[in-house]
Amino acid sequence: MPESFIENYKAKHRHPLNRLSHSIGIPLIAISLPLFFFNWRWALGLFIVGWAFQFLGHFIEGNQPAFFRNPLYLLVGPWWLLRRAFGSASSQKPPTAK
């Protein structure tokens, strides 16, 4: 994923509550997609709630979702979240023995 997409995405997701809402919403949407093959009700519920979190975050941030301009941002969001999750986990150094 080109860094310019990630940097633009970060610029539209600066508010902590928007980041939190995306940290909840994106996984719910991702889980809902394969779940549609097994249980439409649960999948639809997770999908709707996930998008509600996303739009709530953008309402708080005061901007529109980036995918309104370019649908590629539908892939950038999950990539951004994975980078945040693994970046923060990898940046934590194990305690050193004294």
C-alpha atoms as a PDB file:
ATOM      1  CA  MET A   1       0.000   0.000   0.000  1.00  0.00           C
ATOM      2  CA  PRO A   2       1.615   3.314  -1.007  1.00  0.00           C
ATOM      3  CA  GLU A   3       2.627   5.475   1.932  1.00  0.00           C
ATOM      4  CA  SER A   4       0.753   8.481   0.512  1.00  0.00           C
ATOM      5  CA  PHE A   5      -2.548   6.637   1.025  1.00  0.00           C
ATOM      6  CA  ILE A   6      -1.632   5.816   4.618  1.00  0.00           C
ATOM      7  CA  GLU A   7      -0.485   9.377   5.332  1.00  0.00           C
ATOM      8  CA  ASN A   8      -3.697  10.808   3.873  1.00  0.00           C
ATOM      9  CA  TYR A   9      -5.717   8.305   5.893  1.00  0.00           C
ATOM     10  CA  LYS A  10      -3.883   9.272   9.088  1.00  0.00           C
ATOM     11  CA  ALA A  11      -4.604  12.947   8.390  1.00  0.00           C
ATOM     12  CA  LYS A  12      -8.343  12.215   8.316  1.00  0.00           C
ATOM     13  CA  HIS A  13      -8.217  10.169  11.529  1.00  0.00           C
ATOM     14  CA  ARG A  14      -6.524  12.368  14.128  1.00  0.00           C
ATOM     15  CA  HIS A  15      -9.228  12.598  16.784  1.00  0.00           C
ATOM     16  CA  PRO A  16      -8.807   9.862  19.446  1.00  0.00           C
ATOM     17  CA  LEU A  17     -12.519   9.005  19.390  1.00  0.00           C
ATOM     18  CA  ASN A  18     -12.447   8.632  15.614  1.00  0.00           C
ATOM     19  CA  ARG A  19      -9.466   6.285  15.923  1.00  0.00           C
ATOM     20  CA  LEU A  20     -11.250   4.333  18.632  1.00  0.00           C
ATOM     21  CA  SER A  21     -14.440   4.072  16.589  1.00  0.00           C
ATOM     22  CA  HIS A  22     -12.440   2.770  13.624  1.00  0.00           C
ATOM     23  CA  SER A  23     -10.564   0.342  15.857  1.00  0.00           C
ATOM     24  CA  ILE A  24     -13.953  -1.139  16.734  1.00  0.00           C
ATOM     25  CA  GLY A  25     -15.802  -0.660  13.442  1.00  0.00           C
ATOM     26  CA  ILE A  26     -13.224  -2.027  11.014  1.00  0.00           C
ATOM     27  CA  PRO A  27     -12.869  -5.414  12.770  1.00  0.00           C
ATOM     28  CA  LEU A  28     -16.659  -5.740  13.041  1.00  0.00           C
ATOM     29  CA  ILE A  29     -17.004  -5.168   9.302  1.00  0.00           C
ATOM     30  CA  ALA A  30     -14.123  -7.545   8.523  1.00  0.00           C
ATOM     31  CA  ILE A  31     -15.649 -10.287  10.698  1.00  0.00           C
ATOM     32  CA  SER A  32     -19.073  -9.766   9.162  1.00  0.00           C
ATOM     33  CA  LEU A  33     -17.947 -10.437   5.574  1.00  0.00           C
ATOM     34  CA  PRO A  34     -17.138 -14.156   5.829  1.00  0.00           C
ATOM     35  CA  LEU A  35     -19.916 -14.573   8.387  1.00  0.00           C
ATOM     36  CA  PHE A  36     -22.456 -13.835   5.640  1.00  0.00           C
ATOM     37  CA  PHE A  37     -21.845 -17.382   4.377  1.00  0.00           C
ATOM     38  CA  PHE A  38     -22.986 -18.852   7.682  1.00  0.00           C
ATOM     39  CA  ASN A  39     -25.415 -16.525   9.412  1.00  0.00           C
ATOM     40  CA  TRP A  40     -26.982 -13.565   7.598  1.00  0.00           C
ATOM     41  CA  ARG A  41     -28.533 -12.013  10.687  1.00  0.00           C
ATOM     42  CA  TRP A  42     -25.349 -11.837  12.721  1.00  0.00           C
ATOM     43  CA  ALA A  43     -23.323 -10.780   9.704  1.00  0.00           C
ATOM     44  CA  LEU A  44     -25.749  -8.010   8.816  1.00  0.00           C
ATOM     45  CA  GLY A  45     -25.875  -6.822  12.422  1.00  0.00           C
ATOM     46  CA  LEU A  46     -22.077  -6.676  12.728  1.00  0.00           C
ATOM     47  CA  PHE A  47     -21.805  -4.982   9.339  1.00  0.00           C
ATOM     48  CA  ILE A  48     -24.313  -2.259  10.236  1.00  0.00           C
ATOM     49  CA  VAL A  49     -22.883  -1.670  13.714  1.00  0.00           C
ATOM     50  CA  GLY A  50     -19.351  -1.566  12.278  1.00  0.00           C
ATOM     51  CA  TRP A  51     -20.314   1.096   9.742  1.00  0.00           C
ATOM     52  CA  ALA A  52     -22.212   3.020  12.402  1.00  0.00           C
ATOM     53  CA  PHE A  53     -18.988   3.219  14.435  1.00  0.00           C
ATOM     54  CA  GLN A  54     -17.106   4.411  11.354  1.00  0.00           C
ATOM     55  CA  PHE A  55     -19.589   7.175  10.529  1.00  0.00           C
ATOM     56  CA  LEU A  56     -19.848   8.211  14.178  1.00  0.00           C
ATOM     57  CA  GLY A  57     -16.083   8.642  14.233  1.00  0.00           C
ATOM     58  CA  HIS A  58     -16.153  10.804  11.127  1.00  0.00           C
ATOM     59  CA  PHE A  59     -18.977  12.862  12.569  1.00  0.00           C
ATOM     60  CA  ILE A  60     -16.831  13.489  15.647  1.00  0.00           C
ATOM     61  CA  GLU A  61     -13.776  14.257  13.478  1.00  0.00           C
ATOM     62  CA  GLY A  62     -15.837  16.581  11.281  1.00  0.00           C
ATOM     63  CA  ASN A  63     -14.943  15.067   7.922  1.00  0.00           C
ATOM     64  CA  GLN A  64     -16.181  12.515   5.419  1.00  0.00           C
ATOM     65  CA  PRO A  65     -14.808   9.004   5.017  1.00  0.00           C
ATOM     66  CA  ALA A  66     -11.882   8.896   2.578  1.00  0.00           C
ATOM     67  CA  PHE A  67     -13.544   6.194   0.467  1.00  0.00           C
ATOM     68  CA  PHE A  68     -16.121   8.771  -0.675  1.00  0.00           C
ATOM     69  CA  ARG A  69     -13.307  10.208  -2.830  1.00  0.00           C
ATOM     70  CA  ASN A  70     -11.563   6.964  -3.701  1.00  0.00           C
ATOM     71  CA  PRO A  71     -12.920   3.432  -3.064  1.00  0.00           C
ATOM     72  CA  LEU A  72      -9.352   2.170  -2.597  1.00  0.00           C
ATOM     73  CA  TYR A  73      -9.542   3.586   0.922  1.00  0.00           C
ATOM     74  CA  LEU A  74     -11.851   0.685   1.794  1.00  0.00           C
ATOM     75  CA  LEU A  75      -8.634  -1.371   1.778  1.00  0.00           C
ATOM     76  CA  VAL A  76      -6.456   1.317   3.343  1.00  0.00           C
ATOM     77  CA  GLY A  77      -8.546   1.387   6.535  1.00  0.00           C
ATOM     78  CA  PRO A  78      -7.916  -2.252   7.478  1.00  0.00           C
ATOM     79  CA  TRP A  79      -4.246  -1.903   6.468  1.00  0.00           C
ATOM     80  CA  TRP A  80      -3.915   1.207   8.677  1.00  0.00           C
ATOM     81  CA  LEU A  81      -5.470  -0.645  11.613  1.00  0.00           C
ATOM     82  CA  LEU A  82      -3.169  -3.653  11.179  1.00  0.00           C
ATOM     83  CA  ARG A  83      -0.141  -1.371  11.021  1.00  0.00           C
ATOM     84  CA  ARG A  84      -1.258   0.375  14.215  1.00  0.00           C
ATOM     85  CA  ALA A  85      -1.875  -2.935  15.995  1.00  0.00           C
ATOM     86  CA  PHE A  86       1.380  -4.579  14.964  1.00  0.00           C
ATOM     87  CA  GLY A  87       3.376  -1.367  15.079  1.00  0.00           C
ATOM     88  CA  SER A  88       2.477  -0.712  18.683  1.00  0.00           C
ATOM     89  CA  ALA A  89       3.053  -4.343  19.604  1.00  0.00           C
ATOM     90  CA  SER A  90       6.461  -4.415  17.926  1.00  0.00           C
ATOM     91  CA  SER A  91       7.500  -1.060  19.367  1.00  0.00           C
ATOM     92  CA  GLN A  92       7.079  -2.330  22.921  1.00  0.00           C
ATOM     93  CA  LYS A  93      10.449  -3.487  24.135  1.00  0.00           C
ATOM     94  CA  PRO A  94      10.672  -6.421  26.519  1.00  0.00           C
ATOM     95  CA  PRO A  95      11.837  -5.490  30.020  1.00  0.00           C
ATOM     96  CA  THR A  96      15.539  -5.883  30.543  1.00  0.00           C
ATOM     97  CA  ALA A  97      16.918  -7.836  33.478  1.00  0.00           C
ATOM     98  CA  LYS A  98      19.020  -5.851  35.929  1.00  0.00           C
END
